[in-house]
Amino acid sequence: MTYQALDIKSSPGQQLVVDHAERASRTANSLRLLAGLATPIETTGR
């Protein structure tokens, strides 16, 4: 897994960190699972 940290010019001291995993790797599959847990559940509008 690799990452890149980008400085936010308008907010000194803050960074945006982007992670990248190789496609079809164990790490990529784990991140996909984790992202699925964070996805909001749609409601039917009752």
C-alpha atoms as a PDB file:
ATOM      1  CA  MET A   1       0.000   0.000   0.000  1.00  0.00           C
ATOM      2  CA  THR A   2       1.285   3.426  -0.876  1.00  0.00           C
ATOM      3  CA  TYR A   3       0.148   6.853   0.194  1.00  0.00           C
ATOM      4  CA  GLN A   4       0.594  10.484  -0.741  1.00  0.00           C
ATOM      5  CA  ALA A   5       0.240  13.434   1.646  1.00  0.00           C
ATOM      6  CA  LEU A   6      -0.860  16.716   0.092  1.00  0.00           C
ATOM      7  CA  ASP A   7      -0.550  20.033   1.940  1.00  0.00           C
ATOM      8  CA  ILE A   8      -3.701  22.159   2.103  1.00  0.00           C
ATOM      9  CA  LYS A   9      -2.535  25.694   1.289  1.00  0.00           C
ATOM     10  CA  SER A  10      -5.594  27.412   2.769  1.00  0.00           C
ATOM     11  CA  SER A  11      -5.223  25.498   6.074  1.00  0.00           C
ATOM     12  CA  PRO A  12      -1.606  25.559   7.286  1.00  0.00           C
ATOM     13  CA  GLY A  13      -0.590  22.393   9.121  1.00  0.00           C
ATOM     14  CA  GLN A  14      -3.333  20.256   7.545  1.00  0.00           C
ATOM     15  CA  GLN A  15      -2.849  17.567   4.925  1.00  0.00           C
ATOM     16  CA  LEU A  16      -5.030  15.390   2.729  1.00  0.00           C
ATOM     17  CA  VAL A  17      -3.680  11.830   2.796  1.00  0.00           C
ATOM     18  CA  VAL A  18      -4.526   9.520  -0.113  1.00  0.00           C
ATOM     19  CA  ASP A  19      -3.922   5.764   0.189  1.00  0.00           C
ATOM     20  CA  HIS A  20      -3.601   3.432  -2.779  1.00  0.00           C
ATOM     21  CA  ALA A  21      -3.563  -0.361  -2.802  1.00  0.00           C
ATOM     22  CA  GLU A  22      -2.660  -2.605  -5.726  1.00  0.00           C
ATOM     23  CA  ARG A  23      -5.738  -3.840  -7.591  1.00  0.00           C
ATOM     24  CA  ALA A  24      -7.028  -7.248  -6.451  1.00  0.00           C
ATOM     25  CA  SER A  25      -4.589  -7.349  -3.529  1.00  0.00           C
ATOM     26  CA  ARG A  26      -5.581  -8.444  -0.048  1.00  0.00           C
ATOM     27  CA  THR A  27      -5.236  -4.821   1.091  1.00  0.00           C
ATOM     28  CA  ALA A  28      -7.490  -3.554  -1.729  1.00  0.00           C
ATOM     29  CA  ASN A  29     -10.139  -6.120  -0.818  1.00  0.00           C
ATOM     30  CA  SER A  30      -9.938  -5.127   2.852  1.00  0.00           C
ATOM     31  CA  LEU A  31     -10.294  -1.433   2.002  1.00  0.00           C
ATOM     32  CA  ARG A  32     -13.299  -2.215  -0.207  1.00  0.00           C
ATOM     33  CA  LEU A  33     -14.926  -4.077   2.703  1.00  0.00           C
ATOM     34  CA  LEU A  34     -14.199  -1.195   5.068  1.00  0.00           C
ATOM     35  CA  ALA A  35     -15.676   1.324   2.604  1.00  0.00           C
ATOM     36  CA  GLY A  36     -18.816  -0.801   2.347  1.00  0.00           C
ATOM     37  CA  LEU A  37     -19.294  -0.612   6.105  1.00  0.00           C
ATOM     38  CA  ALA A  38     -19.171   3.194   5.944  1.00  0.00           C
ATOM     39  CA  THR A  39     -21.744   3.465   3.149  1.00  0.00           C
ATOM     40  CA  PRO A  40     -25.051   4.941   4.390  1.00  0.00           C
ATOM     41  CA  ILE A  41     -28.126   2.741   4.166  1.00  0.00           C
ATOM     42  CA  GLU A  42     -30.857   4.171   1.940  1.00  0.00           C
ATOM     43  CA  THR A  43     -34.269   4.629   3.501  1.00  0.00           C
ATOM     44  CA  THR A  44     -37.576   4.065   1.780  1.00  0.00           C
ATOM     45  CA  GLY A  45     -38.988   7.429   2.906  1.00  0.00           C
ATOM     46  CA  ARG A  46     -41.595   6.101   5.351  1.00  0.00           C
END
